[in-house]
């Protein structure tokens, strides 16, 4: 297997996990909607597509935050950090 395709496996795995958690915890448990087993896979595919489109769109949002992320990285990687006082 080519190594450059491993990133797609990781993204697909993350989207599938996010879909499974959403369908099980939010749709079934929180809202009390019982999805039949034969329709669950169908609905899950559409939820996964929605998460994929959302994550793709967030790439362009993060691209616009370039200077904000650069400042954050210059601050030792944390925006709010607790540093001990130096002894006098």
PDB file of N, CA and C in Angstrom:
ATOM      1  N   UNK A   1       0.846  -1.184   0.000  1.00  0.00           N
ATOM      2  CA  UNK A   1       0.000   0.000   0.000  1.00  0.00           C
ATOM      3  C   UNK A   1       0.887   1.242   0.000  1.00  0.00           C
ATOM      4  N   UNK A   2       0.530   2.203  -0.775  1.00  0.00           N
ATOM      5  CA  UNK A   2       1.302   3.438  -0.813  1.00  0.00           C
ATOM      6  C   UNK A   2       1.053   4.237   0.446  1.00  0.00           C
ATOM      7  N   UNK A   3       2.108   4.862   0.936  1.00  0.00           N
ATOM      8  CA  UNK A   3       1.992   5.589   2.205  1.00  0.00           C
ATOM      9  C   UNK A   3       1.203   6.880   2.077  1.00  0.00           C
ATOM     10  N   UNK A   4       1.128   7.467   0.874  1.00  0.00           N
ATOM     11  CA  UNK A   4       0.397   8.724   0.747  1.00  0.00           C
ATOM     12  C   UNK A   4      -1.115   8.525   0.815  1.00  0.00           C
ATOM     13  N   UNK A   5      -1.589   7.302   0.728  1.00  0.00           N
ATOM     14  CA  UNK A   5      -3.016   7.032   0.853  1.00  0.00           C
ATOM     15  C   UNK A   5      -3.431   6.745   2.291  1.00  0.00           C
ATOM     16  N   UNK A   6      -2.467   6.634   3.191  1.00  0.00           N
ATOM     17  CA  UNK A   6      -2.797   6.363   4.586  1.00  0.00           C
ATOM     18  C   UNK A   6      -3.558   7.505   5.235  1.00  0.00           C
ATOM     19  N   UNK A   7      -3.343   8.724   4.775  1.00  0.00           N
ATOM     20  CA  UNK A   7      -4.069   9.855   5.352  1.00  0.00           C
ATOM     21  C   UNK A   7      -5.562   9.739   5.067  1.00  0.00           C
ATOM     22  N   UNK A   8      -5.930   9.180   3.912  1.00  0.00           N
ATOM     23  CA  UNK A   8      -7.347   9.008   3.602  1.00  0.00           C
ATOM     24  C   UNK A   8      -7.981   7.960   4.502  1.00  0.00           C
ATOM     25  N   UNK A   9      -7.215   6.931   4.842  1.00  0.00           N
ATOM     26  CA  UNK A   9      -7.712   5.924   5.772  1.00  0.00           C
ATOM     27  C   UNK A   9      -7.981   6.540   7.141  1.00  0.00           C
ATOM     28  N   UNK A  10      -7.082   7.401   7.571  1.00  0.00           N
ATOM     29  CA  UNK A  10      -7.233   8.047   8.867  1.00  0.00           C
ATOM     30  C   UNK A  10      -8.450   8.951   8.889  1.00  0.00           C
ATOM     31  N   UNK A  11      -8.643   9.720   7.836  1.00  0.00           N
ATOM     32  CA  UNK A  11      -9.802  10.622   7.759  1.00  0.00           C
ATOM     33  C   UNK A  11     -11.087   9.806   7.704  1.00  0.00           C
ATOM     34  N   UNK A  12     -11.105   8.756   6.908  1.00  0.00           N
ATOM     35  CA  UNK A  12     -12.300   7.918   6.812  1.00  0.00           C
ATOM     36  C   UNK A  12     -12.606   7.260   8.144  1.00  0.00           C
ATOM     37  N   UNK A  13     -11.584   6.818   8.846  1.00  0.00           N
ATOM     38  CA  UNK A  13     -11.786   6.208  10.153  1.00  0.00           C
ATOM     39  C   UNK A  13     -12.346   7.215  11.146  1.00  0.00           C
ATOM     40  N   UNK A  14     -11.826   8.428  11.126  1.00  0.00           N
ATOM     41  CA  UNK A  14     -12.325   9.463  12.034  1.00  0.00           C
ATOM     42  C   UNK A  14     -13.771   9.823  11.721  1.00  0.00           C
ATOM     43  N   UNK A  15     -14.104   9.949  10.446  1.00  0.00           N
ATOM     44  CA  UNK A  15     -15.480  10.276  10.072  1.00  0.00           C
ATOM     45  C   UNK A  15     -16.439   9.145  10.443  1.00  0.00           C
ATOM     46  N   UNK A  16     -16.019   7.899  10.250  1.00  0.00           N
ATOM     47  CA  UNK A  16     -16.874   6.772  10.623  1.00  0.00           C
ATOM     48  C   UNK A  16     -17.085   6.710  12.130  1.00  0.00           C
ATOM     49  N   UNK A  17     -16.048   6.975  12.890  1.00  0.00           N
ATOM     50  CA  UNK A  17     -16.185   6.983  14.350  1.00  0.00           C
ATOM     51  C   UNK A  17     -17.098   8.108  14.810  1.00  0.00           C
ATOM     52  N   UNK A  18     -16.925   9.282  14.234  1.00  0.00           N
ATOM     53  CA  UNK A  18     -17.766  10.424  14.580  1.00  0.00           C
ATOM     54  C   UNK A  18     -19.229  10.156  14.232  1.00  0.00           C
ATOM     55  N   UNK A  19     -19.454   9.499  13.101  1.00  0.00           N
ATOM     56  CA  UNK A  19     -20.809   9.149  12.695  1.00  0.00           C
ATOM     57  C   UNK A  19     -21.425   8.141  13.647  1.00  0.00           C
ATOM     58  N   UNK A  20     -20.655   7.135  14.026  1.00  0.00           N
ATOM     59  CA  UNK A  20     -21.172   6.105  14.933  1.00  0.00           C
ATOM     60  C   UNK A  20     -21.540   6.706  16.284  1.00  0.00           C
ATOM     61  N   UNK A  21     -20.693   7.572  16.798  1.00  0.00           N
ATOM     62  CA  UNK A  21     -20.976   8.213  18.084  1.00  0.00           C
ATOM     63  C   UNK A  21     -22.199   9.126  17.969  1.00  0.00           C
ATOM     64  N   UNK A  22     -22.285   9.863  16.882  1.00  0.00           N
ATOM     65  CA  UNK A  22     -23.434  10.755  16.684  1.00  0.00           C
ATOM     66  C   UNK A  22     -24.730   9.966  16.603  1.00  0.00           C
ATOM     67  N   UNK A  23     -24.730   8.899  15.834  1.00  0.00           N
ATOM     68  CA  UNK A  23     -25.948   8.109  15.668  1.00  0.00           C
ATOM     69  C   UNK A  23     -26.342   7.425  16.978  1.00  0.00           C
ATOM     70  N   UNK A  24     -25.365   6.893  17.682  1.00  0.00           N
ATOM     71  CA  UNK A  24     -25.667   6.143  18.903  1.00  0.00           C
ATOM     72  C   UNK A  24     -25.982   7.063  20.082  1.00  0.00           C
ATOM     73  N   UNK A  25     -25.141   8.043  20.321  1.00  0.00           N
ATOM     74  CA  UNK A  25     -25.279   8.860  21.527  1.00  0.00           C
ATOM     75  C   UNK A  25     -26.263  10.013  21.382  1.00  0.00           C
ATOM     76  N   UNK A  26     -26.236  10.703  20.269  1.00  0.00           N
ATOM     77  CA  UNK A  26     -27.093  11.869  20.129  1.00  0.00           C
ATOM     78  C   UNK A  26     -28.474  11.519  19.590  1.00  0.00           C
ATOM     79  N   UNK A  27     -28.514  10.805  18.487  1.00  0.00           N
ATOM     80  CA  UNK A  27     -29.807  10.516  17.869  1.00  0.00           C
ATOM     81  C   UNK A  27     -30.600   9.540  18.731  1.00  0.00           C
ATOM     82  N   UNK A  28     -29.961   8.446  19.130  1.00  0.00           N
ATOM     83  CA  UNK A  28     -30.694   7.422  19.886  1.00  0.00           C
ATOM     84  C   UNK A  28     -30.876   7.793  21.352  1.00  0.00           C
ATOM     85  N   UNK A  29     -29.798   8.174  22.017  1.00  0.00           N
ATOM     86  CA  UNK A  29     -29.867   8.394  23.464  1.00  0.00           C
ATOM     87  C   UNK A  29     -30.427   9.768  23.835  1.00  0.00           C
ATOM     88  N   UNK A  30     -29.884  10.813  23.277  1.00  0.00           N
ATOM     89  CA  UNK A  30     -30.273  12.160  23.693  1.00  0.00           C
ATOM     90  C   UNK A  30     -31.661  12.549  23.197  1.00  0.00           C
ATOM     91  N   UNK A  31     -31.952  12.236  21.945  1.00  0.00           N
ATOM     92  CA  UNK A  31     -33.227  12.647  21.382  1.00  0.00           C
ATOM     93  C   UNK A  31     -34.288  11.553  21.451  1.00  0.00           C
ATOM     94  N   UNK A  32     -33.885  10.341  21.795  1.00  0.00           N
ATOM     95  CA  UNK A  32     -34.831   9.242  21.937  1.00  0.00           C
ATOM     96  C   UNK A  32     -35.411   8.740  20.629  1.00  0.00           C
ATOM     97  N   UNK A  33     -34.740   8.982  19.532  1.00  0.00           N
ATOM     98  CA  UNK A  33     -35.214   8.522  18.229  1.00  0.00           C
ATOM     99  C   UNK A  33     -34.664   7.124  17.991  1.00  0.00           C
ATOM    100  N   UNK A  34     -35.541   6.177  17.787  1.00  0.00           N
ATOM    101  CA  UNK A  34     -35.119   4.808  17.507  1.00  0.00           C
ATOM    102  C   UNK A  34     -35.048   4.608  15.992  1.00  0.00           C
ATOM    103  N   UNK A  35     -33.829   4.412  15.496  1.00  0.00           N
ATOM    104  CA  UNK A  35     -33.614   4.218  14.067  1.00  0.00           C
ATOM    105  C   UNK A  35     -33.609   2.719  13.795  1.00  0.00           C
ATOM    106  N   UNK A  36     -34.442   2.255  12.863  1.00  0.00           N
ATOM    107  CA  UNK A  36     -34.428   0.831  12.526  1.00  0.00           C
ATOM    108  C   UNK A  36     -33.071   0.405  11.965  1.00  0.00           C
ATOM    109  N   UNK A  37     -32.714  -0.840  12.186  1.00  0.00           N
ATOM    110  CA  UNK A  37     -31.393  -1.336  11.768  1.00  0.00           C
ATOM    111  C   UNK A  37     -31.176  -1.213  10.268  1.00  0.00           C
ATOM    112  N   UNK A  38     -32.205  -1.448   9.487  1.00  0.00           N
ATOM    113  CA  UNK A  38     -32.039  -1.390   8.025  1.00  0.00           C
ATOM    114  C   UNK A  38     -31.881   0.044   7.527  1.00  0.00           C
ATOM    115  N   UNK A  39     -32.367   1.018   8.272  1.00  0.00           N
ATOM    116  CA  UNK A  39     -32.209   2.428   7.893  1.00  0.00           C
ATOM    117  C   UNK A  39     -30.997   3.086   8.552  1.00  0.00           C
ATOM    118  N   UNK A  40     -30.447   2.465   9.593  1.00  0.00           N
ATOM    119  CA  UNK A  40     -29.335   3.055  10.323  1.00  0.00           C
ATOM    120  C   UNK A  40     -28.102   3.267   9.465  1.00  0.00           C
ATOM    121  N   UNK A  41     -27.772   2.298   8.627  1.00  0.00           N
ATOM    122  CA  UNK A  41     -26.600   2.432   7.751  1.00  0.00           C
ATOM    123  C   UNK A  41     -26.822   3.530   6.717  1.00  0.00           C
ATOM    124  N   UNK A  42     -28.037   3.618   6.220  1.00  0.00           N
ATOM    125  CA  UNK A  42     -28.362   4.653   5.230  1.00  0.00           C
ATOM    126  C   UNK A  42     -28.231   6.049   5.847  1.00  0.00           C
ATOM    127  N   UNK A  43     -28.820   6.233   7.018  1.00  0.00           N
ATOM    128  CA  UNK A  43     -28.720   7.526   7.700  1.00  0.00           C
ATOM    129  C   UNK A  43     -27.282   7.820   8.112  1.00  0.00           C
ATOM    130  N   UNK A  44     -26.571   6.802   8.528  1.00  0.00           N
ATOM    131  CA  UNK A  44     -25.176   6.976   8.922  1.00  0.00           C
ATOM    132  C   UNK A  44     -24.304   7.454   7.781  1.00  0.00           C
ATOM    133  N   UNK A  45     -24.569   6.961   6.585  1.00  0.00           N
ATOM    134  CA  UNK A  45     -23.795   7.406   5.420  1.00  0.00           C
ATOM    135  C   UNK A  45     -24.024   8.893   5.157  1.00  0.00           C
ATOM    136  N   UNK A  46     -25.253   9.350   5.316  1.00  0.00           N
ATOM    137  CA  UNK A  46     -25.536  10.762   5.079  1.00  0.00           C
ATOM    138  C   UNK A  46     -24.957  11.641   6.177  1.00  0.00           C
ATOM    139  N   UNK A  47     -24.960  11.152   7.399  1.00  0.00           N
ATOM    140  CA  UNK A  47     -24.327  11.895   8.493  1.00  0.00           C
ATOM    141  C   UNK A  47     -22.826  11.990   8.245  1.00  0.00           C
ATOM    142  N   UNK A  48     -22.233  10.902   7.769  1.00  0.00           N
ATOM    143  CA  UNK A  48     -20.799  10.893   7.459  1.00  0.00           C
ATOM    144  C   UNK A  48     -20.478  11.867   6.327  1.00  0.00           C
ATOM    145  N   UNK A  49     -21.326  11.913   5.321  1.00  0.00           N
ATOM    146  CA  UNK A  49     -21.123  12.873   4.218  1.00  0.00           C
ATOM    147  C   UNK A  49     -21.216  14.301   4.743  1.00  0.00           C
ATOM    148  N   UNK A  50     -22.166  14.559   5.632  1.00  0.00           N
ATOM    149  CA  UNK A  50     -22.308  15.901   6.197  1.00  0.00           C
ATOM    150  C   UNK A  50     -21.074  16.291   6.998  1.00  0.00           C
ATOM    151  N   UNK A  51     -20.549  15.361   7.810  1.00  0.00           N
ATOM    152  CA  UNK A  51     -19.327  15.649   8.565  1.00  0.00           C
ATOM    153  C   UNK A  51     -18.143  15.857   7.625  1.00  0.00           C
ATOM    154  N   UNK A  52     -18.075  15.098   6.551  1.00  0.00           N
ATOM    155  CA  UNK A  52     -16.991  15.259   5.580  1.00  0.00           C
ATOM    156  C   UNK A  52     -17.018  16.610   4.910  1.00  0.00           C
ATOM    157  N   UNK A  53     -18.203  17.049   4.505  1.00  0.00           N
ATOM    158  CA  UNK A  53     -18.337  18.367   3.873  1.00  0.00           C
ATOM    159  C   UNK A  53     -17.995  19.465   4.865  1.00  0.00           C
ATOM    160  N   UNK A  54     -18.450  19.306   6.104  1.00  0.00           N
ATOM    161  CA  UNK A  54     -18.147  20.301   7.138  1.00  0.00           C
ATOM    162  C   UNK A  54     -16.645  20.395   7.393  1.00  0.00           C
ATOM    163  N   UNK A  55     -15.984  19.247   7.509  1.00  0.00           N
ATOM    164  CA  UNK A  55     -14.539  19.274   7.758  1.00  0.00           C
ATOM    165  C   UNK A  55     -13.775  19.836   6.572  1.00  0.00           C
ATOM    166  N   UNK A  56     -14.251  19.574   5.363  1.00  0.00           N
ATOM    167  CA  UNK A  56     -13.616  20.143   4.172  1.00  0.00           C
ATOM    168  C   UNK A  56     -13.755  21.658   4.160  1.00  0.00           C
ATOM    169  N   UNK A  57     -14.928  22.162   4.535  1.00  0.00           N
ATOM    170  CA  UNK A  57     -15.147  23.615   4.578  1.00  0.00           C
ATOM    171  C   UNK A  57     -14.317  24.276   5.676  1.00  0.00           C
ATOM    172  N   UNK A  58     -14.097  23.566   6.769  1.00  0.00           N
ATOM    173  CA  UNK A  58     -13.291  24.127   7.859  1.00  0.00           C
ATOM    174  C   UNK A  58     -11.836  24.326   7.452  1.00  0.00           C
ATOM    175  N   UNK A  59     -11.379  23.612   6.437  1.00  0.00           N
ATOM    176  CA  UNK A  59     -10.010  23.819   5.936  1.00  0.00           C
ATOM    177  C   UNK A  59      -9.851  25.255   5.460  1.00  0.00           C
ATOM    178  N   UNK A  60     -10.862  25.765   4.783  1.00  0.00           N
ATOM    179  CA  UNK A  60     -10.781  27.136   4.268  1.00  0.00           C
ATOM    180  C   UNK A  60     -10.907  28.169   5.385  1.00  0.00           C
ATOM    181  N   UNK A  61     -11.636  27.838   6.427  1.00  0.00           N
ATOM    182  CA  UNK A  61     -11.731  28.740   7.574  1.00  0.00           C
ATOM    183  C   UNK A  61     -10.380  28.820   8.282  1.00  0.00           C
ATOM    184  N   UNK A  62      -9.756  27.676   8.494  1.00  0.00           N
ATOM    185  CA  UNK A  62      -8.450  27.643   9.168  1.00  0.00           C
ATOM    186  C   UNK A  62      -7.393  28.344   8.326  1.00  0.00           C
ATOM    187  N   UNK A  63      -7.531  28.259   7.014  1.00  0.00           N
ATOM    188  CA  UNK A  63      -6.584  28.939   6.130  1.00  0.00           C
ATOM    189  C   UNK A  63      -6.604  30.451   6.365  1.00  0.00           C
ATOM    190  N   UNK A  64      -7.758  30.996   6.670  1.00  0.00           N
ATOM    191  CA  UNK A  64      -7.878  32.434   6.919  1.00  0.00           C
ATOM    192  C   UNK A  64      -7.328  32.820   8.293  1.00  0.00           C
ATOM    193  N   UNK A  65      -7.134  31.847   9.168  1.00  0.00           N
ATOM    194  CA  UNK A  65      -6.622  32.117  10.511  1.00  0.00           C
ATOM    195  C   UNK A  65      -5.108  31.974  10.591  1.00  0.00           C
ATOM    196  N   UNK A  66      -4.431  32.084   9.486  1.00  0.00           N
ATOM    197  CA  UNK A  66      -2.990  31.872   9.446  1.00  0.00           C
ATOM    198  C   UNK A  66      -2.216  32.724  10.429  1.00  0.00           C
ATOM    199  N   UNK A  67      -2.500  34.014  10.497  1.00  0.00           N
ATOM    200  CA  UNK A  67      -1.749  34.884  11.399  1.00  0.00           C
ATOM    201  C   UNK A  67      -2.090  34.582  12.858  1.00  0.00           C
ATOM    202  N   UNK A  68      -3.328  34.202  13.131  1.00  0.00           N
ATOM    203  CA  UNK A  68      -3.710  33.869  14.497  1.00  0.00           C
ATOM    204  C   UNK A  68      -2.971  32.620  14.956  1.00  0.00           C
ATOM    205  N   UNK A  69      -2.902  31.633  14.099  1.00  0.00           N
ATOM    206  CA  UNK A  69      -2.195  30.405  14.452  1.00  0.00           C
ATOM    207  C   UNK A  69      -0.697  30.643  14.590  1.00  0.00           C
ATOM    208  N   UNK A  70      -0.152  31.554  13.804  1.00  0.00           N
ATOM    209  CA  UNK A  70       1.265  31.855  13.900  1.00  0.00           C
ATOM    210  C   UNK A  70       1.582  32.509  15.242  1.00  0.00           C
ATOM    211  N   UNK A  71       0.753  33.414  15.692  1.00  0.00           N
ATOM    212  CA  UNK A  71       0.953  34.051  16.997  1.00  0.00           C
ATOM    213  C   UNK A  71       0.827  33.019  18.099  1.00  0.00           C
ATOM    214  N   UNK A  72      -0.107  32.124  17.987  1.00  0.00           N
ATOM    215  CA  UNK A  72      -0.295  31.081  18.998  1.00  0.00           C
ATOM    216  C   UNK A  72       0.949  30.198  19.083  1.00  0.00           C
ATOM    217  N   UNK A  73       1.522  29.846  17.970  1.00  0.00           N
ATOM    218  CA  UNK A  73       2.712  28.999  17.975  1.00  0.00           C
ATOM    219  C   UNK A  73       3.929  29.735  18.526  1.00  0.00           C
ATOM    220  N   UNK A  74       3.976  31.041  18.389  1.00  0.00           N
ATOM    221  CA  UNK A  74       5.089  31.794  18.932  1.00  0.00           C
ATOM    222  C   UNK A  74       5.000  31.913  20.447  1.00  0.00           C
ATOM    223  N   UNK A  75       3.823  31.690  20.984  1.00  0.00           N
ATOM    224  CA  UNK A  75       3.605  31.792  22.418  1.00  0.00           C
ATOM    225  C   UNK A  75       3.743  30.417  23.073  1.00  0.00           C
ATOM    226  N   UNK A  76       4.739  29.668  22.705  1.00  0.00           N
ATOM    227  CA  UNK A  76       5.028  28.337  23.239  1.00  0.00           C
ATOM    228  C   UNK A  76       3.873  27.359  23.038  1.00  0.00           C
ATOM    229  N   UNK A  77       3.038  27.578  22.046  1.00  0.00           N
ATOM    230  CA  UNK A  77       1.984  26.640  21.732  1.00  0.00           C
ATOM    231  C   UNK A  77       0.743  26.733  22.587  1.00  0.00           C
ATOM    232  N   UNK A  78       0.694  27.674  23.497  1.00  0.00           N
ATOM    233  CA  UNK A  78      -0.511  27.790  24.319  1.00  0.00           C
ATOM    234  C   UNK A  78      -0.906  29.250  24.448  1.00  0.00           C
ATOM    235  N   UNK A  79      -2.190  29.479  24.406  1.00  0.00           N
ATOM    236  CA  UNK A  79      -2.677  30.848  24.563  1.00  0.00           C
ATOM    237  C   UNK A  79      -2.739  31.250  26.028  1.00  0.00           C
ATOM    238  N   UNK A  80      -3.208  30.366  26.865  1.00  0.00           N
ATOM    239  CA  UNK A  80      -3.307  30.644  28.294  1.00  0.00           C
ATOM    240  C   UNK A  80      -2.395  29.666  29.020  1.00  0.00           C
ATOM    241  N   UNK A  81      -1.303  30.161  29.479  1.00  0.00           N
ATOM    242  CA  UNK A  81      -0.377  29.267  30.175  1.00  0.00           C
ATOM    243  C   UNK A  81      -0.041  29.857  31.545  1.00  0.00           C
ATOM    244  N   UNK A  82       0.142  28.983  32.477  1.00  0.00           N
ATOM    245  CA  UNK A  82       0.509  29.391  33.826  1.00  0.00           C
ATOM    246  C   UNK A  82       2.017  29.196  33.957  1.00  0.00           C
ATOM    247  N   UNK A  83       2.698  30.278  34.224  1.00  0.00           N
ATOM    248  CA  UNK A  83       4.153  30.196  34.361  1.00  0.00           C
ATOM    249  C   UNK A  83       4.519  30.595  35.785  1.00  0.00           C
ATOM    250  N   UNK A  84       5.434  29.890  36.402  1.00  0.00           N
ATOM    251  CA  UNK A  84       5.816  30.246  37.768  1.00  0.00           C
ATOM    252  C   UNK A  84       6.552  31.583  37.785  1.00  0.00           C
ATOM    253  N   UNK A  85       6.392  32.296  38.888  1.00  0.00           N
ATOM    254  CA  UNK A  85       7.118  33.556  39.058  1.00  0.00           C
ATOM    255  C   UNK A  85       8.586  33.279  39.280  1.00  0.00           C
ATOM    256  N   UNK A  86       9.380  34.144  38.773  1.00  0.00           N
ATOM    257  CA  UNK A  86      10.815  33.995  38.997  1.00  0.00           C
ATOM    258  C   UNK A  86      11.169  34.513  40.379  1.00  0.00           C
ATOM    259  N   UNK A  87      12.146  33.890  41.017  1.00  0.00           N
ATOM    260  CA  UNK A  87      12.574  34.317  42.345  1.00  0.00           C
ATOM    261  C   UNK A  87      13.304  35.637  42.272  1.00  0.00           C
ATOM    262  N   UNK A  88      13.070  36.487  43.245  1.00  0.00           N
ATOM    263  CA  UNK A  88      13.752  37.783  43.266  1.00  0.00           C
ATOM    264  C   UNK A  88      15.050  37.694  43.941  1.00  0.00           C
TER     265      UNK A  88
END
